[in-house]
Amino acid sequence: METATIFAISIAAIVIAVTGYSIYLSFGPPSAELTDPFEEHED
């Protein structure tokens, strides 16, 4: 494989991994610890 192809596949894999981890943090079990700042400062 050419260097450019390996580089493009690596960048795509990193982007997909970061996106998956972000979705896991937002909607998975760790989301129970998240707080809504708008609800905390409601007047």
PDB file of N, CA and C in Angstrom:
ATOM      1  N   MET A   1       0.838  -1.184   0.000  1.00  0.00           N
ATOM      2  CA  MET A   1       0.000   0.000   0.000  1.00  0.00           C
ATOM      3  C   MET A   1       0.882   1.246   0.000  1.00  0.00           C
ATOM      4  N   GLU A   2       0.330   2.286  -0.535  1.00  0.00           N
ATOM      5  CA  GLU A   2       1.055   3.548  -0.557  1.00  0.00           C
ATOM      6  C   GLU A   2       0.935   4.241   0.798  1.00  0.00           C
ATOM      7  N   THR A   3       1.846   5.123   1.049  1.00  0.00           N
ATOM      8  CA  THR A   3       1.870   5.841   2.324  1.00  0.00           C
ATOM      9  C   THR A   3       0.618   6.694   2.499  1.00  0.00           C
ATOM     10  N   ALA A   4       0.150   7.314   1.447  1.00  0.00           N
ATOM     11  CA  ALA A   4      -1.030   8.172   1.537  1.00  0.00           C
ATOM     12  C   ALA A   4      -2.273   7.371   1.911  1.00  0.00           C
ATOM     13  N   THR A   5      -2.396   6.164   1.396  1.00  0.00           N
ATOM     14  CA  THR A   5      -3.547   5.311   1.710  1.00  0.00           C
ATOM     15  C   THR A   5      -3.527   4.904   3.180  1.00  0.00           C
ATOM     16  N   ILE A   6      -2.369   4.519   3.682  1.00  0.00           N
ATOM     17  CA  ILE A   6      -2.243   4.137   5.089  1.00  0.00           C
ATOM     18  C   ILE A   6      -2.555   5.331   5.988  1.00  0.00           C
ATOM     19  N   PHE A   7      -2.057   6.494   5.608  1.00  0.00           N
ATOM     20  CA  PHE A   7      -2.310   7.708   6.381  1.00  0.00           C
ATOM     21  C   PHE A   7      -3.799   8.042   6.401  1.00  0.00           C
ATOM     22  N   ALA A   8      -4.464   7.949   5.271  1.00  0.00           N
ATOM     23  CA  ALA A   8      -5.899   8.253   5.195  1.00  0.00           C
ATOM     24  C   ALA A   8      -6.719   7.261   6.025  1.00  0.00           C
ATOM     25  N   ILE A   9      -6.374   5.990   5.962  1.00  0.00           N
ATOM     26  CA  ILE A   9      -7.086   4.976   6.750  1.00  0.00           C
ATOM     27  C   ILE A   9      -6.860   5.213   8.240  1.00  0.00           C
ATOM     28  N   SER A  10      -5.650   5.605   8.619  1.00  0.00           N
ATOM     29  CA  SER A  10      -5.348   5.880  10.028  1.00  0.00           C
ATOM     30  C   SER A  10      -6.146   7.060  10.548  1.00  0.00           C
ATOM     31  N   ILE A  11      -6.203   8.116   9.782  1.00  0.00           N
ATOM     32  CA  ILE A  11      -6.978   9.301  10.188  1.00  0.00           C
ATOM     33  C   ILE A  11      -8.457   8.951  10.304  1.00  0.00           C
ATOM     34  N   ALA A  12      -8.987   8.194   9.361  1.00  0.00           N
ATOM     35  CA  ALA A  12     -10.395   7.793   9.410  1.00  0.00           C
ATOM     36  C   ALA A  12     -10.670   6.921  10.631  1.00  0.00           C
ATOM     37  N   ALA A  13      -9.766   6.012  10.962  1.00  0.00           N
ATOM     38  CA  ALA A  13      -9.944   5.149  12.129  1.00  0.00           C
ATOM     39  C   ALA A  13      -9.924   5.962  13.416  1.00  0.00           C
ATOM     40  N   ILE A  14      -9.046   6.946  13.496  1.00  0.00           N
ATOM     41  CA  ILE A  14      -8.992   7.801  14.685  1.00  0.00           C
ATOM     42  C   ILE A  14     -10.269   8.610  14.830  1.00  0.00           C
ATOM     43  N   VAL A  15     -10.767   9.170  13.743  1.00  0.00           N
ATOM     44  CA  VAL A  15     -12.003   9.954  13.791  1.00  0.00           C
ATOM     45  C   VAL A  15     -13.183   9.077  14.222  1.00  0.00           C
ATOM     46  N   ILE A  16     -13.280   7.877  13.689  1.00  0.00           N
ATOM     47  CA  ILE A  16     -14.365   6.963  14.054  1.00  0.00           C
ATOM     48  C   ILE A  16     -14.253   6.557  15.523  1.00  0.00           C
ATOM     49  N   ALA A  17     -13.034   6.305  15.997  1.00  0.00           N
ATOM     50  CA  ALA A  17     -12.835   5.918  17.401  1.00  0.00           C
ATOM     51  C   ALA A  17     -13.223   7.050  18.346  1.00  0.00           C
ATOM     52  N   VAL A  18     -12.830   8.263  18.037  1.00  0.00           N
ATOM     53  CA  VAL A  18     -13.170   9.409  18.890  1.00  0.00           C
ATOM     54  C   VAL A  18     -14.674   9.649  18.882  1.00  0.00           C
ATOM     55  N   THR A  19     -15.307   9.509  17.735  1.00  0.00           N
ATOM     56  CA  THR A  19     -16.754   9.675  17.641  1.00  0.00           C
ATOM     57  C   THR A  19     -17.479   8.605  18.459  1.00  0.00           C
ATOM     58  N   GLY A  20     -17.040   7.364  18.348  1.00  0.00           N
ATOM     59  CA  GLY A  20     -17.654   6.284  19.126  1.00  0.00           C
ATOM     60  C   GLY A  20     -17.494   6.490  20.613  1.00  0.00           C
ATOM     61  N   TYR A  21     -16.315   6.924  21.051  1.00  0.00           N
ATOM     62  CA  TYR A  21     -16.073   7.156  22.471  1.00  0.00           C
ATOM     63  C   TYR A  21     -16.920   8.331  22.974  1.00  0.00           C
ATOM     64  N   SER A  22     -17.087   9.354  22.159  1.00  0.00           N
ATOM     65  CA  SER A  22     -17.921  10.495  22.548  1.00  0.00           C
ATOM     66  C   SER A  22     -19.377  10.088  22.710  1.00  0.00           C
ATOM     67  N   ILE A  23     -19.868   9.262  21.805  1.00  0.00           N
ATOM     68  CA  ILE A  23     -21.243   8.770  21.906  1.00  0.00           C
ATOM     69  C   ILE A  23     -21.401   7.905  23.146  1.00  0.00           C
ATOM     70  N   TYR A  24     -20.395   7.070  23.435  1.00  0.00           N
ATOM     71  CA  TYR A  24     -20.439   6.231  24.643  1.00  0.00           C
ATOM     72  C   TYR A  24     -20.492   7.093  25.902  1.00  0.00           C
ATOM     73  N   LEU A  25     -19.696   8.152  25.952  1.00  0.00           N
ATOM     74  CA  LEU A  25     -19.708   9.021  27.131  1.00  0.00           C
ATOM     75  C   LEU A  25     -21.014   9.793  27.257  1.00  0.00           C
ATOM     76  N   SER A  26     -21.616  10.149  26.135  1.00  0.00           N
ATOM     77  CA  SER A  26     -22.841  10.940  26.162  1.00  0.00           C
ATOM     78  C   SER A  26     -24.072  10.122  26.518  1.00  0.00           C
ATOM     79  N   PHE A  27     -24.157   8.893  26.031  1.00  0.00           N
ATOM     80  CA  PHE A  27     -25.376   8.111  26.192  1.00  0.00           C
ATOM     81  C   PHE A  27     -25.195   6.811  26.973  1.00  0.00           C
ATOM     82  N   GLY A  28     -23.970   6.416  27.250  1.00  0.00           N
ATOM     83  CA  GLY A  28     -23.707   5.175  27.960  1.00  0.00           C
ATOM     84  C   GLY A  28     -23.770   5.342  29.465  1.00  0.00           C
ATOM     85  N   PRO A  29     -23.294   4.352  30.209  1.00  0.00           N
ATOM     86  CA  PRO A  29     -23.322   4.396  31.669  1.00  0.00           C
ATOM     87  C   PRO A  29     -22.625   5.610  32.297  1.00  0.00           C
ATOM     88  N   PRO A  30     -21.512   6.125  31.738  1.00  0.00           N
ATOM     89  CA  PRO A  30     -20.886   7.294  32.369  1.00  0.00           C
ATOM     90  C   PRO A  30     -21.753   8.552  32.325  1.00  0.00           C
ATOM     91  N   SER A  31     -22.801   8.557  31.501  1.00  0.00           N
ATOM     92  CA  SER A  31     -23.635   9.756  31.393  1.00  0.00           C
ATOM     93  C   SER A  31     -24.448  10.021  32.657  1.00  0.00           C
ATOM     94  N   ALA A  32     -24.550   9.043  33.559  1.00  0.00           N
ATOM     95  CA  ALA A  32     -25.288   9.250  34.806  1.00  0.00           C
ATOM     96  C   ALA A  32     -24.612  10.298  35.682  1.00  0.00           C
ATOM     97  N   GLU A  33     -23.308  10.491  35.512  1.00  0.00           N
ATOM     98  CA  GLU A  33     -22.576  11.459  36.311  1.00  0.00           C
ATOM     99  C   GLU A  33     -22.611  12.868  35.720  1.00  0.00           C
ATOM    100  N   LEU A  34     -23.111  13.016  34.513  1.00  0.00           N
ATOM    101  CA  LEU A  34     -23.161  14.325  33.869  1.00  0.00           C
ATOM    102  C   LEU A  34     -24.298  15.161  34.447  1.00  0.00           C
ATOM    103  N   THR A  35     -24.080  16.459  34.537  1.00  0.00           N
ATOM    104  CA  THR A  35     -25.131  17.374  34.999  1.00  0.00           C
ATOM    105  C   THR A  35     -25.443  18.376  33.896  1.00  0.00           C
ATOM    106  N   ASP A  36     -26.639  18.907  33.937  1.00  0.00           N
ATOM    107  CA  ASP A  36     -27.068  19.897  32.956  1.00  0.00           C
ATOM    108  C   ASP A  36     -26.849  21.274  33.562  1.00  0.00           C
ATOM    109  N   PRO A  37     -25.913  22.059  33.018  1.00  0.00           N
ATOM    110  CA  PRO A  37     -25.643  23.373  33.614  1.00  0.00           C
ATOM    111  C   PRO A  37     -26.826  24.335  33.519  1.00  0.00           C
ATOM    112  N   PHE A  38     -27.716  24.147  32.550  1.00  0.00           N
ATOM    113  CA  PHE A  38     -28.867  25.028  32.421  1.00  0.00           C
ATOM    114  C   PHE A  38     -29.876  24.778  33.528  1.00  0.00           C
ATOM    115  N   GLU A  39     -30.003  23.521  33.963  1.00  0.00           N
ATOM    116  CA  GLU A  39     -30.920  23.215  35.057  1.00  0.00           C
ATOM    117  C   GLU A  39     -30.371  23.688  36.396  1.00  0.00           C
ATOM    118  N   GLU A  40     -29.063  23.716  36.560  1.00  0.00           N
ATOM    119  CA  GLU A  40     -28.459  24.153  37.806  1.00  0.00           C
ATOM    120  C   GLU A  40     -28.630  25.645  38.031  1.00  0.00           C
ATOM    121  N   HIS A  41     -28.634  26.433  36.962  1.00  0.00           N
ATOM    122  CA  HIS A  41     -28.683  27.889  37.086  1.00  0.00           C
ATOM    123  C   HIS A  41     -30.025  28.462  36.635  1.00  0.00           C
ATOM    124  N   GLU A  42     -31.073  27.674  36.774  1.00  0.00           N
ATOM    125  CA  GLU A  42     -32.391  28.137  36.340  1.00  0.00           C
ATOM    126  C   GLU A  42     -32.950  29.133  37.358  1.00  0.00           C
ATOM    127  N   ASP A  43     -33.510  30.212  36.861  1.00  0.00           N
ATOM    128  CA  ASP A  43     -34.085  31.240  37.758  1.00  0.00           C
ATOM    129  C   ASP A  43     -35.576  31.119  37.839  1.00  0.00           C
TER     130      ASP A  43
END
